[in-house]
C-alpha atoms as a PDB file:
ATOM      1  CA  UNK A   1      -0.863  50.213  -3.830  1.00  0.00           C
ATOM      2  CA  UNK A   2       1.258  47.464  -5.364  1.00  0.00           C
ATOM      3  CA  UNK A   3       0.048  43.880  -4.856  1.00  0.00           C
ATOM      4  CA  UNK A   4       2.404  41.300  -3.355  1.00  0.00           C
ATOM      5  CA  UNK A   5       4.433  39.491  -6.033  1.00  0.00           C
ATOM      6  CA  UNK A   6       2.752  36.190  -5.223  1.00  0.00           C
ATOM      7  CA  UNK A   7      -0.534  37.523  -6.621  1.00  0.00           C
ATOM      8  CA  UNK A   8       0.705  39.293  -9.753  1.00  0.00           C
ATOM      9  CA  UNK A   9       0.209  36.300 -11.994  1.00  0.00           C
ATOM     10  CA  UNK A  10      -3.316  35.428 -10.883  1.00  0.00           C
ATOM     11  CA  UNK A  11      -4.480  32.036  -9.532  1.00  0.00           C
ATOM     12  CA  UNK A  12      -1.910  29.982 -11.453  1.00  0.00           C
ATOM     13  CA  UNK A  13       1.021  32.032 -10.173  1.00  0.00           C
ATOM     14  CA  UNK A  14      -0.398  31.892  -6.649  1.00  0.00           C
ATOM     15  CA  UNK A  15      -0.650  28.083  -6.826  1.00  0.00           C
ATOM     16  CA  UNK A  16       2.912  27.867  -8.118  1.00  0.00           C
ATOM     17  CA  UNK A  17       4.080  30.088  -5.254  1.00  0.00           C
ATOM     18  CA  UNK A  18       2.396  27.819  -2.733  1.00  0.00           C
ATOM     19  CA  UNK A  19       4.052  24.807  -4.355  1.00  0.00           C
ATOM     20  CA  UNK A  20       7.484  26.409  -4.052  1.00  0.00           C
ATOM     21  CA  UNK A  21       6.800  27.147  -0.396  1.00  0.00           C
ATOM     22  CA  UNK A  22       5.739  23.566   0.209  1.00  0.00           C
ATOM     23  CA  UNK A  23       8.818  22.298  -1.551  1.00  0.00           C
ATOM     24  CA  UNK A  24      10.962  24.459   0.700  1.00  0.00           C
ATOM     25  CA  UNK A  25       9.324  23.094   3.843  1.00  0.00           C
ATOM     26  CA  UNK A  26       9.912  19.554   2.574  1.00  0.00           C
ATOM     27  CA  UNK A  27      13.542  20.393   1.785  1.00  0.00           C
ATOM     28  CA  UNK A  28      14.003  21.638   5.354  1.00  0.00           C
ATOM     29  CA  UNK A  29      12.375  18.492   6.721  1.00  0.00           C
ATOM     30  CA  UNK A  30      14.643  16.289   4.598  1.00  0.00           C
ATOM     31  CA  UNK A  31      17.701  18.222   5.745  1.00  0.00           C
ATOM     32  CA  UNK A  32      16.707  17.788   9.391  1.00  0.00           C
ATOM     33  CA  UNK A  33      16.793  14.028   8.864  1.00  0.00           C
ATOM     34  CA  UNK A  34      20.469  14.299   7.906  1.00  0.00           C
ATOM     35  CA  UNK A  35      21.420  15.845  11.252  1.00  0.00           C
ATOM     36  CA  UNK A  36      20.497  13.598  14.201  1.00  0.00           C
ATOM     37  CA  UNK A  37      22.557  15.864  16.483  1.00  0.00           C
ATOM     38  CA  UNK A  38      20.661  18.927  15.268  1.00  0.00           C
ATOM     39  CA  UNK A  39      21.412  21.817  12.936  1.00  0.00           C
ATOM     40  CA  UNK A  40      21.432  25.561  13.483  1.00  0.00           C
ATOM     41  CA  UNK A  41      19.369  28.072  11.536  1.00  0.00           C
ATOM     42  CA  UNK A  42      22.322  29.523   9.612  1.00  0.00           C
ATOM     43  CA  UNK A  43      23.597  26.102   8.586  1.00  0.00           C
ATOM     44  CA  UNK A  44      20.100  25.068   7.549  1.00  0.00           C
ATOM     45  CA  UNK A  45      19.685  28.206   5.432  1.00  0.00           C
ATOM     46  CA  UNK A  46      22.948  27.421   3.635  1.00  0.00           C
ATOM     47  CA  UNK A  47      22.019  23.771   3.167  1.00  0.00           C
ATOM     48  CA  UNK A  48      18.689  24.550   1.475  1.00  0.00           C
ATOM     49  CA  UNK A  49      19.954  27.725  -0.252  1.00  0.00           C
ATOM     50  CA  UNK A  50      17.213  29.948   1.178  1.00  0.00           C
ATOM     51  CA  UNK A  51      17.114  33.142   3.252  1.00  0.00           C
ATOM     52  CA  UNK A  52      17.119  32.728   7.030  1.00  0.00           C
ATOM     53  CA  UNK A  53      13.688  34.353   7.542  1.00  0.00           C
ATOM     54  CA  UNK A  54      12.168  31.955   4.995  1.00  0.00           C
ATOM     55  CA  UNK A  55      13.802  28.935   6.604  1.00  0.00           C
ATOM     56  CA  UNK A  56      12.748  30.140  10.036  1.00  0.00           C
ATOM     57  CA  UNK A  57       9.109  30.260   8.872  1.00  0.00           C
ATOM     58  CA  UNK A  58       9.420  26.740   7.451  1.00  0.00           C
ATOM     59  CA  UNK A  59      10.853  25.478  10.733  1.00  0.00           C
ATOM     60  CA  UNK A  60       8.077  27.221  12.666  1.00  0.00           C
ATOM     61  CA  UNK A  61       5.480  25.404  10.539  1.00  0.00           C
ATOM     62  CA  UNK A  62       7.215  22.085  11.152  1.00  0.00           C
ATOM     63  CA  UNK A  63       7.419  22.757  14.887  1.00  0.00           C
ATOM     64  CA  UNK A  64       3.697  23.544  15.086  1.00  0.00           C
ATOM     65  CA  UNK A  65       2.989  20.170  13.466  1.00  0.00           C
ATOM     66  CA  UNK A  66       5.391  18.373  15.793  1.00  0.00           C
ATOM     67  CA  UNK A  67       7.669  17.470  12.874  1.00  0.00           C
ATOM     68  CA  UNK A  68      10.577  19.564  14.190  1.00  0.00           C
ATOM     69  CA  UNK A  69      11.822  20.599  17.629  1.00  0.00           C
ATOM     70  CA  UNK A  70      14.695  22.477  19.238  1.00  0.00           C
ATOM     71  CA  UNK A  71      17.073  20.603  21.485  1.00  0.00           C
ATOM     72  CA  UNK A  72      18.786  21.905  24.602  1.00  0.00           C
ATOM     73  CA  UNK A  73      21.500  23.537  22.511  1.00  0.00           C
ATOM     74  CA  UNK A  74      19.060  25.536  20.402  1.00  0.00           C
ATOM     75  CA  UNK A  75      19.570  23.350  17.346  1.00  0.00           C
ATOM     76  CA  UNK A  76      16.734  21.952  15.270  1.00  0.00           C
ATOM     77  CA  UNK A  77      16.007  18.218  15.156  1.00  0.00           C
ATOM     78  CA  UNK A  78      13.226  15.998  13.874  1.00  0.00           C
ATOM     79  CA  UNK A  79      10.190  16.148  16.122  1.00  0.00           C
ATOM     80  CA  UNK A  80       8.730  13.269  18.072  1.00  0.00           C
ATOM     81  CA  UNK A  81       5.447  13.381  16.143  1.00  0.00           C
ATOM     82  CA  UNK A  82       7.263  12.869  12.849  1.00  0.00           C
ATOM     83  CA  UNK A  83       9.218   9.952  14.300  1.00  0.00           C
ATOM     84  CA  UNK A  84       6.058   8.430  15.757  1.00  0.00           C
ATOM     85  CA  UNK A  85       4.301   8.586  12.388  1.00  0.00           C
ATOM     86  CA  UNK A  86       7.304   7.232  10.505  1.00  0.00           C
ATOM     87  CA  UNK A  87       7.865   4.265  12.819  1.00  0.00           C
ATOM     88  CA  UNK A  88       4.155   3.461  13.090  1.00  0.00           C
ATOM     89  CA  UNK A  89       3.821   3.461   9.309  1.00  0.00           C
ATOM     90  CA  UNK A  90       6.972   1.417   8.802  1.00  0.00           C
ATOM     91  CA  UNK A  91       6.052  -1.238  11.330  1.00  0.00           C
ATOM     92  CA  UNK A  92       2.533  -1.611   9.880  1.00  0.00           C
ATOM     93  CA  UNK A  93       3.639  -2.110   6.270  1.00  0.00           C
ATOM     94  CA  UNK A  94       2.678  -5.580   5.037  1.00  0.00           C
ATOM     95  CA  UNK A  95       6.173  -6.436   3.820  1.00  0.00           C
ATOM     96  CA  UNK A  96       7.794  -5.344   7.105  1.00  0.00           C
ATOM     97  CA  UNK A  97       5.321  -7.318   9.209  1.00  0.00           C
ATOM     98  CA  UNK A  98       5.953 -10.449   7.156  1.00  0.00           C
ATOM     99  CA  UNK A  99       9.706 -10.101   6.883  1.00  0.00           C
ATOM    100  CA  UNK A 100      10.493  -9.688  10.595  1.00  0.00           C
ATOM    101  CA  UNK A 101      10.076 -13.416  11.465  1.00  0.00           C
ATOM    102  CA  UNK A 102      12.185 -14.291   8.421  1.00  0.00           C
ATOM    103  CA  UNK A 103      15.016 -12.000   9.487  1.00  0.00           C
ATOM    104  CA  UNK A 104      14.844 -13.303  13.039  1.00  0.00           C
ATOM    105  CA  UNK A 105      15.108 -16.911  11.836  1.00  0.00           C
ATOM    106  CA  UNK A 106      18.061 -16.125   9.560  1.00  0.00           C
ATOM    107  CA  UNK A 107      19.813 -14.103  12.243  1.00  0.00           C
ATOM    108  CA  UNK A 108      19.385 -16.945  14.753  1.00  0.00           C
ATOM    109  CA  UNK A 109      20.701 -19.513  12.295  1.00  0.00           C
ATOM    110  CA  UNK A 110      23.808 -17.661  11.083  1.00  0.00           C
ATOM    111  CA  UNK A 111      24.514 -15.136  13.872  1.00  0.00           C
ATOM    112  CA  UNK A 112      25.130 -12.582  11.154  1.00  0.00           C
ATOM    113  CA  UNK A 113      23.490  -9.348  10.017  1.00  0.00           C
ATOM    114  CA  UNK A 114      20.437  -9.769   7.770  1.00  0.00           C
ATOM    115  CA  UNK A 115      18.638  -7.249   5.582  1.00  0.00           C
ATOM    116  CA  UNK A 116      15.431  -6.738   3.664  1.00  0.00           C
ATOM    117  CA  UNK A 117      15.734  -4.187   0.850  1.00  0.00           C
ATOM    118  CA  UNK A 118      13.798  -2.829  -2.112  1.00  0.00           C
ATOM    119  CA  UNK A 119      14.931  -1.323  -5.394  1.00  0.00           C
ATOM    120  CA  UNK A 120      14.554   2.434  -5.923  1.00  0.00           C
ATOM    121  CA  UNK A 121      16.095   3.745  -9.120  1.00  0.00           C
ATOM    122  CA  UNK A 122      19.838   3.195  -9.053  1.00  0.00           C
ATOM    123  CA  UNK A 123      19.893   2.269  -5.357  1.00  0.00           C
ATOM    124  CA  UNK A 124      18.564  -0.227  -2.885  1.00  0.00           C
ATOM    125  CA  UNK A 125      16.755   1.086   0.180  1.00  0.00           C
ATOM    126  CA  UNK A 126      17.008  -0.978   3.351  1.00  0.00           C
ATOM    127  CA  UNK A 127      13.538  -1.461   4.824  1.00  0.00           C
ATOM    128  CA  UNK A 128      14.607  -3.749   7.684  1.00  0.00           C
ATOM    129  CA  UNK A 129      17.865  -4.813   9.287  1.00  0.00           C
ATOM    130  CA  UNK A 130      18.622  -7.155  12.158  1.00  0.00           C
ATOM    131  CA  UNK A 131      21.954  -7.642  13.907  1.00  0.00           C
ATOM    132  CA  UNK A 132      22.799 -10.635  16.123  1.00  0.00           C
ATOM    133  CA  UNK A 133      23.058  -9.948  19.867  1.00  0.00           C
ATOM    134  CA  UNK A 134      26.853 -10.297  19.768  1.00  0.00           C
ATOM    135  CA  UNK A 135      29.578 -10.187  17.139  1.00  0.00           C
ATOM    136  CA  UNK A 136      27.551  -8.198  14.603  1.00  0.00           C
ATOM    137  CA  UNK A 137      29.183  -7.067  11.383  1.00  0.00           C
ATOM    138  CA  UNK A 138      29.408  -3.282  11.549  1.00  0.00           C
ATOM    139  CA  UNK A 139      28.073  -2.474   8.107  1.00  0.00           C
ATOM    140  CA  UNK A 140      27.336   0.974   6.716  1.00  0.00           C
ATOM    141  CA  UNK A 141      23.713  -0.009   6.036  1.00  0.00           C
ATOM    142  CA  UNK A 142      20.926   1.508   8.132  1.00  0.00           C
ATOM    143  CA  UNK A 143      17.151   1.226   7.869  1.00  0.00           C
ATOM    144  CA  UNK A 144      16.123   3.819   5.310  1.00  0.00           C
ATOM    145  CA  UNK A 145      19.669   4.052   3.985  1.00  0.00           C
ATOM    146  CA  UNK A 146      20.829   3.400   0.452  1.00  0.00           C
ATOM    147  CA  UNK A 147      23.606   1.615  -1.393  1.00  0.00           C
ATOM    148  CA  UNK A 148      24.322   1.261  -5.123  1.00  0.00           C
ATOM    149  CA  UNK A 149      22.124  -1.508  -6.525  1.00  0.00           C
ATOM    150  CA  UNK A 150      24.730  -2.897  -8.921  1.00  0.00           C
ATOM    151  CA  UNK A 151      27.247  -3.814  -6.215  1.00  0.00           C
ATOM    152  CA  UNK A 152      24.971  -5.277  -3.537  1.00  0.00           C
ATOM    153  CA  UNK A 153      23.549  -8.784  -3.519  1.00  0.00           C
ATOM    154  CA  UNK A 154      20.009  -7.552  -2.823  1.00  0.00           C
ATOM    155  CA  UNK A 155      20.289  -4.958  -5.567  1.00  0.00           C
ATOM    156  CA  UNK A 156      21.535  -7.363  -8.203  1.00  0.00           C
ATOM    157  CA  UNK A 157      18.793  -9.858  -7.359  1.00  0.00           C
ATOM    158  CA  UNK A 158      16.166  -7.177  -7.929  1.00  0.00           C
ATOM    159  CA  UNK A 159      17.873  -5.791 -11.031  1.00  0.00           C
ATOM    160  CA  UNK A 160      17.857  -9.302 -12.497  1.00  0.00           C
ATOM    161  CA  UNK A 161      14.068  -9.188 -12.325  1.00  0.00           C
ATOM    162  CA  UNK A 162      13.749  -5.631 -13.625  1.00  0.00           C
ATOM    163  CA  UNK A 163      16.359  -5.644 -16.422  1.00  0.00           C
ATOM    164  CA  UNK A 164      15.626  -8.690 -18.528  1.00  0.00           C
ATOM    165  CA  UNK A 165      18.034  -8.123 -21.438  1.00  0.00           C
ATOM    166  CA  UNK A 166      21.246  -6.298 -22.306  1.00  0.00           C
ATOM    167  CA  UNK A 167      19.418  -3.357 -23.875  1.00  0.00           C
ATOM    168  CA  UNK A 168      17.497  -2.782 -20.657  1.00  0.00           C
ATOM    169  CA  UNK A 169      20.762  -2.897 -18.693  1.00  0.00           C
ATOM    170  CA  UNK A 170      22.384  -0.360 -21.025  1.00  0.00           C
ATOM    171  CA  UNK A 171      19.374   1.942 -20.766  1.00  0.00           C
ATOM    172  CA  UNK A 172      19.500   1.697 -16.965  1.00  0.00           C
ATOM    173  CA  UNK A 173      23.213   2.497 -16.848  1.00  0.00           C
ATOM    174  CA  UNK A 174      22.888   5.263 -19.446  1.00  0.00           C
ATOM    175  CA  UNK A 175      25.824   7.652 -19.534  1.00  0.00           C
ATOM    176  CA  UNK A 176      26.699   7.076 -15.897  1.00  0.00           C
ATOM    177  CA  UNK A 177      30.007   5.686 -14.743  1.00  0.00           C
ATOM    178  CA  UNK A 178      29.093   2.886 -12.361  1.00  0.00           C
ATOM    179  CA  UNK A 179      30.385   3.519  -8.865  1.00  0.00           C
ATOM    180  CA  UNK A 180      32.978   1.001  -7.697  1.00  0.00           C
ATOM    181  CA  UNK A 181      33.229   0.972  -3.885  1.00  0.00           C
ATOM    182  CA  UNK A 182      35.860  -1.796  -4.111  1.00  0.00           C
ATOM    183  CA  UNK A 183      38.049  -3.233  -6.831  1.00  0.00           C
ATOM    184  CA  UNK A 184      35.682  -6.224  -7.040  1.00  0.00           C
ATOM    185  CA  UNK A 185      32.641  -4.116  -7.948  1.00  0.00           C
ATOM    186  CA  UNK A 186      30.940  -4.404 -11.327  1.00  0.00           C
ATOM    187  CA  UNK A 187      32.109  -1.508 -13.478  1.00  0.00           C
ATOM    188  CA  UNK A 188      30.430  -1.763 -16.888  1.00  0.00           C
ATOM    189  CA  UNK A 189      27.041  -2.482 -18.413  1.00  0.00           C
ATOM    190  CA  UNK A 190      28.470  -5.611 -20.028  1.00  0.00           C
ATOM    191  CA  UNK A 191      29.697  -6.968 -16.696  1.00  0.00           C
ATOM    192  CA  UNK A 192      26.411  -6.153 -15.030  1.00  0.00           C
ATOM    193  CA  UNK A 193      24.381  -7.856 -17.756  1.00  0.00           C
ATOM    194  CA  UNK A 194      26.481 -11.019 -17.453  1.00  0.00           C
ATOM    195  CA  UNK A 195      25.992 -10.983 -13.677  1.00  0.00           C
ATOM    196  CA  UNK A 196      22.222 -10.559 -13.989  1.00  0.00           C
ATOM    197  CA  UNK A 197      22.015 -13.457 -16.451  1.00  0.00           C
ATOM    198  CA  UNK A 198      23.837 -15.654 -13.942  1.00  0.00           C
ATOM    199  CA  UNK A 199      21.504 -14.573 -11.154  1.00  0.00           C
ATOM    200  CA  UNK A 200      18.407 -15.462 -13.210  1.00  0.00           C
ATOM    201  CA  UNK A 201      19.869 -18.879 -13.935  1.00  0.00           C
ATOM    202  CA  UNK A 202      20.836 -19.642 -10.323  1.00  0.00           C
ATOM    203  CA  UNK A 203      18.071 -17.796  -8.470  1.00  0.00           C
ATOM    204  CA  UNK A 204      20.334 -15.942  -6.051  1.00  0.00           C
ATOM    205  CA  UNK A 205      22.835 -13.098  -5.975  1.00  0.00           C
ATOM    206  CA  UNK A 206      26.128 -12.590  -4.188  1.00  0.00           C
ATOM    207  CA  UNK A 207      28.227  -9.671  -3.038  1.00  0.00           C
ATOM    208  CA  UNK A 208      31.790 -10.944  -2.916  1.00  0.00           C
ATOM    209  CA  UNK A 209      33.329  -7.954  -1.086  1.00  0.00           C
ATOM    210  CA  UNK A 210      31.893  -5.689  -3.791  1.00  0.00           C
ATOM    211  CA  UNK A 211      30.270  -3.090  -1.540  1.00  0.00           C
ATOM    212  CA  UNK A 212      32.500  -3.209   1.548  1.00  0.00           C
ATOM    213  CA  UNK A 213      35.962  -4.783   1.797  1.00  0.00           C
ATOM    214  CA  UNK A 214      35.971  -7.897   3.934  1.00  0.00           C
ATOM    215  CA  UNK A 215      32.193  -8.343   3.846  1.00  0.00           C
ATOM    216  CA  UNK A 216      30.364 -10.837   1.660  1.00  0.00           C
ATOM    217  CA  UNK A 217      26.685 -11.484   1.214  1.00  0.00           C
ATOM    218  CA  UNK A 218      24.134 -13.770  -0.410  1.00  0.00           C
ATOM    219  CA  UNK A 219      20.586 -12.681  -1.308  1.00  0.00           C
ATOM    220  CA  UNK A 220      17.379 -14.196  -2.653  1.00  0.00           C
ATOM    221  CA  UNK A 221      14.132 -12.569  -3.795  1.00  0.00           C
ATOM    222  CA  UNK A 222      11.298 -12.262  -1.282  1.00  0.00           C
ATOM    223  CA  UNK A 223       7.677 -12.634  -2.382  1.00  0.00           C
ATOM    224  CA  UNK A 224       5.996 -11.051   0.616  1.00  0.00           C
ATOM    225  CA  UNK A 225       3.049  -9.315  -1.059  1.00  0.00           C
ATOM    226  CA  UNK A 226       2.733 -11.148  -4.382  1.00  0.00           C
ATOM    227  CA  UNK A 227       3.322 -14.761  -5.463  1.00  0.00           C
ATOM    228  CA  UNK A 228       4.892 -13.709  -8.761  1.00  0.00           C
ATOM    229  CA  UNK A 229       6.540 -10.298  -8.273  1.00  0.00           C
ATOM    230  CA  UNK A 230       9.245  -9.938  -5.601  1.00  0.00           C
ATOM    231  CA  UNK A 231       8.490  -7.225  -3.074  1.00  0.00           C
ATOM    232  CA  UNK A 232      12.184  -6.994  -2.291  1.00  0.00           C
ATOM    233  CA  UNK A 233      15.158  -9.172  -1.460  1.00  0.00           C
ATOM    234  CA  UNK A 234      16.543 -10.701   1.734  1.00  0.00           C
ATOM    235  CA  UNK A 235      20.247 -11.087   2.394  1.00  0.00           C
ATOM    236  CA  UNK A 236      22.648 -12.597   4.909  1.00  0.00           C
ATOM    237  CA  UNK A 237      25.944 -10.706   5.317  1.00  0.00           C
ATOM    238  CA  UNK A 238      29.093 -11.851   7.062  1.00  0.00           C
ATOM    239  CA  UNK A 239      32.738 -11.090   7.545  1.00  0.00           C
ATOM    240  CA  UNK A 240      34.627 -12.976   4.851  1.00  0.00           C
ATOM    241  CA  UNK A 241      37.115 -14.491   7.312  1.00  0.00           C
ATOM    242  CA  UNK A 242      34.355 -15.680   9.658  1.00  0.00           C
ATOM    243  CA  UNK A 243      31.542 -16.665   7.293  1.00  0.00           C
ATOM    244  CA  UNK A 244      33.005 -17.378   3.860  1.00  0.00           C
ATOM    245  CA  UNK A 245      30.778 -16.806   0.867  1.00  0.00           C
ATOM    246  CA  UNK A 246      30.945 -20.508   0.011  1.00  0.00           C
ATOM    247  CA  UNK A 247      29.426 -21.334   3.414  1.00  0.00           C
ATOM    248  CA  UNK A 248      26.399 -19.164   2.663  1.00  0.00           C
ATOM    249  CA  UNK A 249      26.041 -20.440  -0.904  1.00  0.00           C
ATOM    250  CA  UNK A 250      26.209 -24.051   0.237  1.00  0.00           C
ATOM    251  CA  UNK A 251      23.404 -23.348   2.704  1.00  0.00           C
ATOM    252  CA  UNK A 252      21.108 -21.712   0.139  1.00  0.00           C
ATOM    253  CA  UNK A 253      18.402 -24.409   0.387  1.00  0.00           C
ATOM    254  CA  UNK A 254      17.938 -23.492   4.065  1.00  0.00           C
ATOM    255  CA  UNK A 255      18.002 -19.749   3.326  1.00  0.00           C
ATOM    256  CA  UNK A 256      15.384 -20.149   0.584  1.00  0.00           C
ATOM    257  CA  UNK A 257      13.183 -22.258   2.849  1.00  0.00           C
ATOM    258  CA  UNK A 258      13.279 -19.643   5.601  1.00  0.00           C
ATOM    259  CA  UNK A 259      12.539 -16.773   3.218  1.00  0.00           C
ATOM    260  CA  UNK A 260       9.667 -18.740   1.705  1.00  0.00           C
ATOM    261  CA  UNK A 261       8.255 -19.269   5.190  1.00  0.00           C
ATOM    262  CA  UNK A 262       8.572 -23.048   5.095  1.00  0.00           C
ATOM    263  CA  UNK A 263      10.622 -23.136   8.282  1.00  0.00           C
ATOM    264  CA  UNK A 264      10.927 -20.775  11.217  1.00  0.00           C
ATOM    265  CA  UNK A 265      14.301 -21.681  12.667  1.00  0.00           C
END
């Protein structure tokens, strides 16, 4: 009798097979997160490039753990247990706990959208976001979402700390063509290096309609978990016609004081 293929290579092949299976389950979980309205089995199988029976088994495993569920239309969505774990973990993180009062104070002062973000590779990841009760700027950013680091104020502030010279900037850019969401976006390693030098000299970064047309932003580093290494960056964003960039820059002493925790309003 022929043994199943998973066992033909001995213990090492069996371990590798289990790893592939785990990777597939994680790929299905990640794909679920991209479909808040749910996704059908056939569409999921296409998205993760796997046979339907294999994907069905992965979804069954996730459902048993509470990480996936089926909605009233028979489509698969993230499960409540996964959401509970994710939100509980996020809200208990030291940087999130410490940044919430800062964002609230900035939001109260400027009545504009405020963010806390960290650097992850070529992108920034938004860890926290707070909109004012009325008149909020409808930005594309969401908690957990990403934007290119080189054309956001928070990203450039963090890159200024991570890329200390032109060689480091060139290595970071590599052979990539830098994305330019607007005509104002930085487009070359040379331009980015010059911008990062300016940020180190001034201690803040700006987004002058570089990520979204009509939206500007100012950001400063946030030292929430270390006195010497920024845990991330905090920004205030506003519609250019309503809150000009110069208004935010002129008020930087107040922004820095709030981020440093020296004032609460």
